[in-house]
PDB file of N, CA and C in Angstrom:
ATOM      1  N   MET A   1      61.510   3.950  39.861  1.00  0.00           N
ATOM      2  CA  MET A   1      62.483   3.580  40.702  1.00  0.00           C
ATOM      3  C   MET A   1      62.608   4.754  41.506  1.00  0.00           C
ATOM      4  N   ARG A   2      62.380   5.953  41.151  1.00  0.00           N
ATOM      5  CA  ARG A   2      62.257   7.045  42.460  1.00  0.00           C
ATOM      6  C   ARG A   2      61.108   7.079  42.762  1.00  0.00           C
ATOM      7  N   HIS A   3      60.041   6.237  42.938  1.00  0.00           N
ATOM      8  CA  HIS A   3      59.342   6.019  43.634  1.00  0.00           C
ATOM      9  C   HIS A   3      59.062   5.051  44.572  1.00  0.00           C
ATOM     10  N   ARG A   4      59.772   3.880  44.156  1.00  0.00           N
ATOM     11  CA  ARG A   4      60.467   3.049  45.520  1.00  0.00           C
ATOM     12  C   ARG A   4      61.124   3.398  46.249  1.00  0.00           C
ATOM     13  N   PHE A   5      62.139   4.582  45.920  1.00  0.00           N
ATOM     14  CA  PHE A   5      64.109   5.069  46.592  1.00  0.00           C
ATOM     15  C   PHE A   5      63.163   5.856  47.632  1.00  0.00           C
ATOM     16  N   ALA A   6      61.785   7.000  47.592  1.00  0.00           N
ATOM     17  CA  ALA A   6      60.805   7.205  48.132  1.00  0.00           C
ATOM     18  C   ALA A   6      60.751   6.628  49.536  1.00  0.00           C
ATOM     19  N   LEU A   7      59.796   5.763  49.115  1.00  0.00           N
ATOM     20  CA  LEU A   7      59.057   4.616  49.769  1.00  0.00           C
ATOM     21  C   LEU A   7      59.680   3.994  50.782  1.00  0.00           C
ATOM     22  N   GLY A   8      61.237   3.774  50.586  1.00  0.00           N
ATOM     23  CA  GLY A   8      61.997   3.289  51.424  1.00  0.00           C
ATOM     24  C   GLY A   8      63.098   4.191  52.230  1.00  0.00           C
ATOM     25  N   LYS A   9      62.760   5.784  52.138  1.00  0.00           N
ATOM     26  CA  LYS A   9      63.200   6.504  52.637  1.00  0.00           C
ATOM     27  C   LYS A   9      61.619   7.035  53.869  1.00  0.00           C
ATOM     28  N   GLN A  10      60.753   6.683  53.287  1.00  0.00           N
ATOM     29  CA  GLN A  10      59.424   6.942  54.012  1.00  0.00           C
ATOM     30  C   GLN A  10      59.531   5.397  55.492  1.00  0.00           C
ATOM     31  N   ALA A  11      60.126   4.863  54.726  1.00  0.00           N
ATOM     32  CA  ALA A  11      59.541   3.358  55.900  1.00  0.00           C
ATOM     33  C   ALA A  11      60.719   3.653  56.556  1.00  0.00           C
ATOM     34  N   PHE A  12      61.652   4.507  56.092  1.00  0.00           N
ATOM     35  CA  PHE A  12      63.003   4.258  57.087  1.00  0.00           C
ATOM     36  C   PHE A  12      62.635   5.510  58.402  1.00  0.00           C
ATOM     37  N   MET A  13      62.080   6.666  57.589  1.00  0.00           N
ATOM     38  CA  MET A  13      61.598   7.708  58.799  1.00  0.00           C
ATOM     39  C   MET A  13      60.464   7.132  59.701  1.00  0.00           C
ATOM     40  N   ASN A  14      59.544   6.276  59.329  1.00  0.00           N
ATOM     41  CA  ASN A  14      58.245   6.012  60.313  1.00  0.00           C
ATOM     42  C   ASN A  14      59.361   4.915  61.248  1.00  0.00           C
ATOM     43  N   ASP A  15      60.719   3.900  61.033  1.00  0.00           N
ATOM     44  CA  ASP A  15      60.529   3.507  61.736  1.00  0.00           C
ATOM     45  C   ASP A  15      62.209   3.779  62.280  1.00  0.00           C
ATOM     46  N   LYS A  16      62.402   4.960  62.758  1.00  0.00           N
ATOM     47  CA  LYS A  16      63.714   5.893  62.999  1.00  0.00           C
ATOM     48  C   LYS A  16      63.827   5.451  64.368  1.00  0.00           C
ATOM     49  N   LYS A  17      62.746   5.123  65.269  1.00  0.00           N
ATOM     50  CA  LYS A  17      63.375   5.041  66.819  1.00  0.00           C
ATOM     51  C   LYS A  17      63.881   3.647  66.703  1.00  0.00           C
ATOM     52  N   LEU A  18      63.440   2.666  65.585  1.00  0.00           N
ATOM     53  CA  LEU A  18      64.130   1.161  65.946  1.00  0.00           C
ATOM     54  C   LEU A  18      66.254   1.758  65.174  1.00  0.00           C
ATOM     55  N   PHE A  19      66.241   2.583  64.463  1.00  0.00           N
ATOM     56  CA  PHE A  19      67.586   2.836  64.221  1.00  0.00           C
ATOM     57  C   PHE A  19      68.527   3.528  65.212  1.00  0.00           C
ATOM     58  N   THR A  20      67.383   4.358  65.911  1.00  0.00           N
ATOM     59  CA  THR A  20      68.500   5.681  66.545  1.00  0.00           C
ATOM     60  C   THR A  20      68.605   5.084  67.958  1.00  0.00           C
ATOM     61  N   GLY A  21      67.976   3.741  68.745  1.00  0.00           N
ATOM     62  CA  GLY A  21      67.999   3.530  69.725  1.00  0.00           C
ATOM     63  C   GLY A  21      68.800   2.612  70.117  1.00  0.00           C
ATOM     64  N   ASN A  22      69.296   1.654  71.372  1.00  0.00           N
ATOM     65  CA  ASN A  22      70.549   1.567  71.487  1.00  0.00           C
ATOM     66  C   ASN A  22      71.016  -0.124  71.262  1.00  0.00           C
ATOM     67  N   LEU A  23      70.334  -0.187  69.790  1.00  0.00           N
ATOM     68  CA  LEU A  23      70.946  -1.311  69.518  1.00  0.00           C
ATOM     69  C   LEU A  23      71.989  -1.558  68.717  1.00  0.00           C
ATOM     70  N   SER A  24      72.633  -2.906  68.630  1.00  0.00           N
ATOM     71  CA  SER A  24      74.270  -2.827  68.179  1.00  0.00           C
ATOM     72  C   SER A  24      74.134  -2.739  66.465  1.00  0.00           C
ATOM     73  N   ILE A  25      74.670  -2.580  66.067  1.00  0.00           N
ATOM     74  CA  ILE A  25      75.323  -1.782  64.678  1.00  0.00           C
ATOM     75  C   ILE A  25      74.753  -3.749  63.570  1.00  0.00           C
ATOM     76  N   GLU A  26      74.813  -4.325  64.364  1.00  0.00           N
ATOM     77  CA  GLU A  26      74.684  -6.012  63.027  1.00  0.00           C
ATOM     78  C   GLU A  26      73.165  -5.998  63.642  1.00  0.00           C
ATOM     79  N   LEU A  27      72.295  -5.617  64.272  1.00  0.00           N
ATOM     80  CA  LEU A  27      70.950  -5.578  64.853  1.00  0.00           C
ATOM     81  C   LEU A  27      70.499  -5.007  63.334  1.00  0.00           C
ATOM     82  N   LYS A  28      70.972  -3.730  63.651  1.00  0.00           N
ATOM     83  CA  LYS A  28      70.218  -2.266  62.775  1.00  0.00           C
ATOM     84  C   LYS A  28      70.535  -2.695  61.676  1.00  0.00           C
ATOM     85  N   LYS A  29      71.811  -3.105  61.242  1.00  0.00           N
ATOM     86  CA  LYS A  29      71.899  -3.518  59.853  1.00  0.00           C
ATOM     87  C   LYS A  29      70.821  -4.502  59.474  1.00  0.00           C
ATOM     88  N   ARG A  30      70.617  -5.658  60.062  1.00  0.00           N
ATOM     89  CA  ARG A  30      69.320  -6.813  60.018  1.00  0.00           C
ATOM     90  C   ARG A  30      68.278  -5.891  59.383  1.00  0.00           C
ATOM     91  N   ILE A  31      67.675  -5.400  60.254  1.00  0.00           N
ATOM     92  CA  ILE A  31      66.477  -4.471  60.253  1.00  0.00           C
ATOM     93  C   ILE A  31      66.449  -3.755  59.146  1.00  0.00           C
ATOM     94  N   ALA A  32      67.707  -2.906  58.617  1.00  0.00           N
ATOM     95  CA  ALA A  32      67.554  -2.090  57.408  1.00  0.00           C
ATOM     96  C   ALA A  32      67.326  -3.082  56.278  1.00  0.00           C
ATOM     97  N   GLU A  33      68.174  -4.210  56.222  1.00  0.00           N
ATOM     98  CA  GLU A  33      68.256  -4.901  54.876  1.00  0.00           C
ATOM     99  C   GLU A  33      66.901  -6.022  55.006  1.00  0.00           C
ATOM    100  N   SER A  34      65.998  -6.172  55.824  1.00  0.00           N
ATOM    101  CA  SER A  34      65.230  -6.923  55.882  1.00  0.00           C
ATOM    102  C   SER A  34      64.243  -5.953  55.352  1.00  0.00           C
ATOM    103  N   VAL A  35      64.133  -4.819  56.659  1.00  0.00           N
ATOM    104  CA  VAL A  35      62.563  -4.453  56.241  1.00  0.00           C
ATOM    105  C   VAL A  35      62.596  -2.621  54.854  1.00  0.00           C
ATOM    106  N   LEU A  36      64.070  -2.052  54.759  1.00  0.00           N
ATOM    107  CA  LEU A  36      64.242  -1.090  54.076  1.00  0.00           C
ATOM    108  C   LEU A  36      64.355  -1.328  52.214  1.00  0.00           C
ATOM    109  N   TRP A  37      65.241  -2.591  51.870  1.00  0.00           N
ATOM    110  CA  TRP A  37      65.950  -3.184  51.060  1.00  0.00           C
ATOM    111  C   TRP A  37      64.850  -4.183  50.425  1.00  0.00           C
ATOM    112  N   SER A  38      63.812  -4.654  51.188  1.00  0.00           N
ATOM    113  CA  SER A  38      62.783  -5.299  50.545  1.00  0.00           C
ATOM    114  C   SER A  38      61.616  -3.977  50.052  1.00  0.00           C
ATOM    115  N   VAL A  39      61.539  -3.082  50.473  1.00  0.00           N
ATOM    116  CA  VAL A  39      60.381  -1.726  49.814  1.00  0.00           C
ATOM    117  C   VAL A  39      61.298  -1.377  48.262  1.00  0.00           C
ATOM    118  N   VAL A  40      62.412  -1.137  48.673  1.00  0.00           N
ATOM    119  CA  VAL A  40      62.966  -0.229  48.140  1.00  0.00           C
ATOM    120  C   VAL A  40      63.096  -1.413  46.477  1.00  0.00           C
ATOM    121  N   GLN A  41      63.590  -2.014  46.800  1.00  0.00           N
ATOM    122  CA  GLN A  41      63.761  -3.387  45.900  1.00  0.00           C
ATOM    123  C   GLN A  41      62.364  -4.424  45.275  1.00  0.00           C
ATOM    124  N   TYR A  42      61.361  -3.854  45.636  1.00  0.00           N
ATOM    125  CA  TYR A  42      60.347  -4.329  45.206  1.00  0.00           C
ATOM    126  C   TYR A  42      60.231  -4.403  43.947  1.00  0.00           C
ATOM    127  N   ALA A  43      60.094  -5.578  42.890  1.00  0.00           N
ATOM    128  CA  ALA A  43      59.475  -5.858  41.854  1.00  0.00           C
ATOM    129  C   ALA A  43      61.186  -5.397  40.869  1.00  0.00           C
ATOM    130  N   SER A  44      61.998  -5.368  41.575  1.00  0.00           N
ATOM    131  CA  SER A  44      63.594  -5.237  40.898  1.00  0.00           C
ATOM    132  C   SER A  44      63.826  -5.393  39.708  1.00  0.00           C
ATOM    133  N   LYS A  45      63.212  -6.806  39.519  1.00  0.00           N
ATOM    134  CA  LYS A  45      64.062  -7.728  38.507  1.00  0.00           C
ATOM    135  C   LYS A  45      63.270  -7.430  37.462  1.00  0.00           C
ATOM    136  N   THR A  46      62.280  -6.500  37.547  1.00  0.00           N
ATOM    137  CA  THR A  46      61.881  -5.880  36.225  1.00  0.00           C
ATOM    138  C   THR A  46      62.315  -4.432  35.508  1.00  0.00           C
ATOM    139  N   TRP A  47      63.108  -3.908  36.551  1.00  0.00           N
ATOM    140  CA  TRP A  47      63.592  -2.238  36.377  1.00  0.00           C
ATOM    141  C   TRP A  47      64.961  -2.711  35.473  1.00  0.00           C
ATOM    142  N   THR A  48      64.903  -1.795  34.268  1.00  0.00           N
ATOM    143  CA  THR A  48      66.000  -1.444  33.412  1.00  0.00           C
ATOM    144  C   THR A  48      67.130  -1.012  33.963  1.00  0.00           C
ATOM    145  N   MET A  49      67.874  -0.971  34.694  1.00  0.00           N
ATOM    146  CA  MET A  49      68.354  -0.273  35.289  1.00  0.00           C
ATOM    147  C   MET A  49      69.879   0.665  34.731  1.00  0.00           C
ATOM    148  N   THR A  50      70.250   2.403  34.600  1.00  0.00           N
ATOM    149  CA  THR A  50      70.461   2.820  33.799  1.00  0.00           C
ATOM    150  C   THR A  50      71.764   3.422  35.188  1.00  0.00           C
ATOM    151  N   GLN A  51      73.021   3.878  34.472  1.00  0.00           N
ATOM    152  CA  GLN A  51      74.038   4.242  35.534  1.00  0.00           C
ATOM    153  C   GLN A  51      73.299   5.157  36.540  1.00  0.00           C
ATOM    154  N   ALA A  52      72.490   6.271  35.932  1.00  0.00           N
ATOM    155  CA  ALA A  52      71.885   7.088  36.952  1.00  0.00           C
ATOM    156  C   ALA A  52      71.463   6.470  38.149  1.00  0.00           C
ATOM    157  N   ASP A  53      70.383   5.607  37.685  1.00  0.00           N
ATOM    158  CA  ASP A  53      69.899   4.702  38.741  1.00  0.00           C
ATOM    159  C   ASP A  53      70.704   3.871  39.492  1.00  0.00           C
ATOM    160  N   ARG A  54      71.629   3.175  39.193  1.00  0.00           N
ATOM    161  CA  ARG A  54      72.904   2.569  39.940  1.00  0.00           C
ATOM    162  C   ARG A  54      73.515   3.379  40.817  1.00  0.00           C
ATOM    163  N   MET A  55      73.908   4.781  40.357  1.00  0.00           N
ATOM    164  CA  MET A  55      74.076   5.952  41.569  1.00  0.00           C
ATOM    165  C   MET A  55      73.174   6.404  42.165  1.00  0.00           C
ATOM    166  N   ARG A  56      71.813   6.170  42.082  1.00  0.00           N
ATOM    167  CA  ARG A  56      70.307   6.698  42.934  1.00  0.00           C
ATOM    168  C   ARG A  56      70.874   5.208  44.249  1.00  0.00           C
ATOM    169  N   LEU A  57      70.653   4.723  43.559  1.00  0.00           N
ATOM    170  CA  LEU A  57      70.924   3.140  44.289  1.00  0.00           C
ATOM    171  C   LEU A  57      71.771   3.386  45.189  1.00  0.00           C
ATOM    172  N   GLU A  58      73.465   3.948  45.037  1.00  0.00           N
ATOM    173  CA  GLU A  58      74.171   3.526  45.979  1.00  0.00           C
ATOM    174  C   GLU A  58      73.942   4.554  46.982  1.00  0.00           C
ATOM    175  N   ALA A  59      73.613   5.603  46.645  1.00  0.00           N
ATOM    176  CA  ALA A  59      73.640   6.711  47.436  1.00  0.00           C
ATOM    177  C   ALA A  59      72.646   7.167  48.558  1.00  0.00           C
ATOM    178  N   MET A  60      71.702   5.949  48.073  1.00  0.00           N
ATOM    179  CA  MET A  60      71.205   5.871  49.081  1.00  0.00           C
ATOM    180  C   MET A  60      71.134   4.460  50.054  1.00  0.00           C
ATOM    181  N   GLU A  61      71.876   3.690  49.693  1.00  0.00           N
ATOM    182  CA  GLU A  61      72.619   2.772  50.420  1.00  0.00           C
ATOM    183  C   GLU A  61      73.792   3.754  51.476  1.00  0.00           C
ATOM    184  N   MET A  62      74.063   4.230  51.004  1.00  0.00           N
ATOM    185  CA  MET A  62      75.316   4.914  51.718  1.00  0.00           C
ATOM    186  C   MET A  62      74.586   6.211  52.634  1.00  0.00           C
ATOM    187  N   TRP A  63      73.269   6.823  52.302  1.00  0.00           N
ATOM    188  CA  TRP A  63      72.436   7.313  53.421  1.00  0.00           C
ATOM    189  C   TRP A  63      72.401   6.934  54.377  1.00  0.00           C
ATOM    190  N   ILE A  64      71.765   5.602  54.050  1.00  0.00           N
ATOM    191  CA  ILE A  64      70.875   4.468  55.738  1.00  0.00           C
ATOM    192  C   ILE A  64      72.267   4.669  56.327  1.00  0.00           C
ATOM    193  N   TRP A  65      73.455   3.883  55.479  1.00  0.00           N
ATOM    194  CA  TRP A  65      74.645   3.467  56.511  1.00  0.00           C
ATOM    195  C   TRP A  65      75.144   4.628  57.641  1.00  0.00           C
ATOM    196  N   ARG A  66      75.262   5.574  56.725  1.00  0.00           N
ATOM    197  CA  ARG A  66      75.332   7.611  57.304  1.00  0.00           C
ATOM    198  C   ARG A  66      74.544   7.246  58.734  1.00  0.00           C
ATOM    199  N   TRP A  67      73.639   7.494  58.444  1.00  0.00           N
ATOM    200  CA  TRP A  67      72.426   7.474  59.134  1.00  0.00           C
ATOM    201  C   TRP A  67      72.541   6.405  60.518  1.00  0.00           C
ATOM    202  N   LEU A  68      72.587   5.557  60.257  1.00  0.00           N
ATOM    203  CA  LEU A  68      73.143   3.993  60.682  1.00  0.00           C
ATOM    204  C   LEU A  68      74.267   4.799  62.493  1.00  0.00           C
ATOM    205  N   GLU A  69      75.080   5.217  61.586  1.00  0.00           N
ATOM    206  CA  GLU A  69      76.445   5.394  62.354  1.00  0.00           C
ATOM    207  C   GLU A  69      76.691   6.859  62.586  1.00  0.00           C
ATOM    208  N   LYS A  70      75.450   7.520  61.953  1.00  0.00           N
ATOM    209  CA  LYS A  70      75.307   8.930  62.930  1.00  0.00           C
ATOM    210  C   LYS A  70      76.456  10.204  62.291  1.00  0.00           C
ATOM    211  N   ILE A  71      76.534   9.349  61.183  1.00  0.00           N
ATOM    212  CA  ILE A  71      77.481  10.621  60.463  1.00  0.00           C
ATOM    213  C   ILE A  71      77.458  11.399  59.452  1.00  0.00           C
ATOM    214  N   SER A  72      77.399  12.829  59.763  1.00  0.00           N
ATOM    215  CA  SER A  72      76.689  14.337  59.075  1.00  0.00           C
ATOM    216  C   SER A  72      77.705  13.642  57.628  1.00  0.00           C
ATOM    217  N   TRP A  73      77.174  14.679  56.958  1.00  0.00           N
ATOM    218  CA  TRP A  73      78.000  14.866  55.222  1.00  0.00           C
ATOM    219  C   TRP A  73      78.798  15.835  55.781  1.00  0.00           C
ATOM    220  N   VAL A  74      78.813  16.531  56.559  1.00  0.00           N
ATOM    221  CA  VAL A  74      79.399  17.854  56.920  1.00  0.00           C
ATOM    222  C   VAL A  74      81.407  17.418  57.399  1.00  0.00           C
ATOM    223  N   ASN A  75      80.788  15.860  57.743  1.00  0.00           N
ATOM    224  CA  ASN A  75      81.799  15.364  58.469  1.00  0.00           C
ATOM    225  C   ASN A  75      83.209  15.325  57.691  1.00  0.00           C
ATOM    226  N   LYS A  76      82.705  14.845  56.093  1.00  0.00           N
ATOM    227  CA  LYS A  76      83.649  14.463  55.200  1.00  0.00           C
ATOM    228  C   LYS A  76      84.175  13.302  55.601  1.00  0.00           C
ATOM    229  N   ILE A  77      83.617  12.413  55.527  1.00  0.00           N
ATOM    230  CA  ILE A  77      84.122  10.479  55.901  1.00  0.00           C
ATOM    231  C   ILE A  77      83.731  10.406  54.463  1.00  0.00           C
ATOM    232  N   SER A  78      84.606   9.937  53.816  1.00  0.00           N
ATOM    233  CA  SER A  78      84.081   8.791  52.801  1.00  0.00           C
ATOM    234  C   SER A  78      83.509   7.666  52.943  1.00  0.00           C
ATOM    235  N   ASN A  79      83.042   7.130  51.606  1.00  0.00           N
ATOM    236  CA  ASN A  79      81.796   6.559  51.880  1.00  0.00           C
ATOM    237  C   ASN A  79      83.159   5.207  52.066  1.00  0.00           C
ATOM    238  N   GLU A  80      84.432   5.008  51.412  1.00  0.00           N
ATOM    239  CA  GLU A  80      84.986   3.743  51.765  1.00  0.00           C
ATOM    240  C   GLU A  80      84.990   3.509  53.202  1.00  0.00           C
ATOM    241  N   GLU A  81      85.166   4.684  54.042  1.00  0.00           N
ATOM    242  CA  GLU A  81      85.412   4.504  55.632  1.00  0.00           C
ATOM    243  C   GLU A  81      83.929   3.743  56.426  1.00  0.00           C
ATOM    244  N   VAL A  82      83.020   4.573  55.476  1.00  0.00           N
ATOM    245  CA  VAL A  82      81.483   4.701  56.434  1.00  0.00           C
ATOM    246  C   VAL A  82      81.411   2.970  55.865  1.00  0.00           C
ATOM    247  N   LEU A  83      81.702   2.559  55.158  1.00  0.00           N
ATOM    248  CA  LEU A  83      81.413   1.052  54.694  1.00  0.00           C
ATOM    249  C   LEU A  83      82.220   0.178  55.508  1.00  0.00           C
ATOM    250  N   GLN A  84      83.465   0.659  56.146  1.00  0.00           N
ATOM    251  CA  GLN A  84      84.257   0.076  56.708  1.00  0.00           C
ATOM    252  C   GLN A  84      83.625  -0.361  58.334  1.00  0.00           C
ATOM    253  N   ARG A  85      83.551   0.837  58.696  1.00  0.00           N
ATOM    254  CA  ARG A  85      82.561   1.662  59.892  1.00  0.00           C
ATOM    255  C   ARG A  85      81.324   0.307  59.953  1.00  0.00           C
ATOM    256  N   VAL A  86      80.794  -0.001  58.722  1.00  0.00           N
ATOM    257  CA  VAL A  86      79.396  -0.830  59.521  1.00  0.00           C
ATOM    258  C   VAL A  86      79.574  -2.358  58.947  1.00  0.00           C
ATOM    259  N   ASN A  87      81.115  -2.307  58.369  1.00  0.00           N
ATOM    260  CA  ASN A  87      81.500  -4.016  57.937  1.00  0.00           C
ATOM    261  C   ASN A  87      80.433  -4.680  56.999  1.00  0.00           C
ATOM    262  N   GLU A  88      80.428  -3.871  56.009  1.00  0.00           N
ATOM    263  CA  GLU A  88      79.723  -3.853  54.572  1.00  0.00           C
ATOM    264  C   GLU A  88      80.768  -3.562  53.360  1.00  0.00           C
ATOM    265  N   THR A  89      80.684  -4.553  52.358  1.00  0.00           N
ATOM    266  CA  THR A  89      81.161  -3.988  50.958  1.00  0.00           C
ATOM    267  C   THR A  89      80.231  -3.102  50.454  1.00  0.00           C
ATOM    268  N   LYS A  90      80.747  -2.576  49.078  1.00  0.00           N
ATOM    269  CA  LYS A  90      79.991  -1.652  48.070  1.00  0.00           C
ATOM    270  C   LYS A  90      79.144  -2.800  47.529  1.00  0.00           C
ATOM    271  N   ALA A  91      77.965  -2.826  46.636  1.00  0.00           N
ATOM    272  CA  ALA A  91      76.640  -3.070  46.575  1.00  0.00           C
ATOM    273  C   ALA A  91      77.017  -3.237  44.897  1.00  0.00           C
ATOM    274  N   MET A  92      77.609  -1.744  44.512  1.00  0.00           N
ATOM    275  CA  MET A  92      77.161  -2.020  43.045  1.00  0.00           C
ATOM    276  C   MET A  92      78.462  -1.953  42.656  1.00  0.00           C
TER     277      MET A  92
END
């Protein structure tokens, strides 16, 4: 699973220009969901999810949403507020 997360982050960084451009947040979300989550969740039906894996998956999701909204971790904005800004609900 860690390898899939690393591949997802790599895919995100390779397409970083898509996410930093002047696209609407809704379009950025659709791109992230179609490109990044397909990479991360490939063969996820065969995974045995532990609590630690769920936490890693949630952390990756929050990392993506914070990047899309250009929110630094030093801003001390809660995950709930970030999810409200991107109009999403908690995945796990």
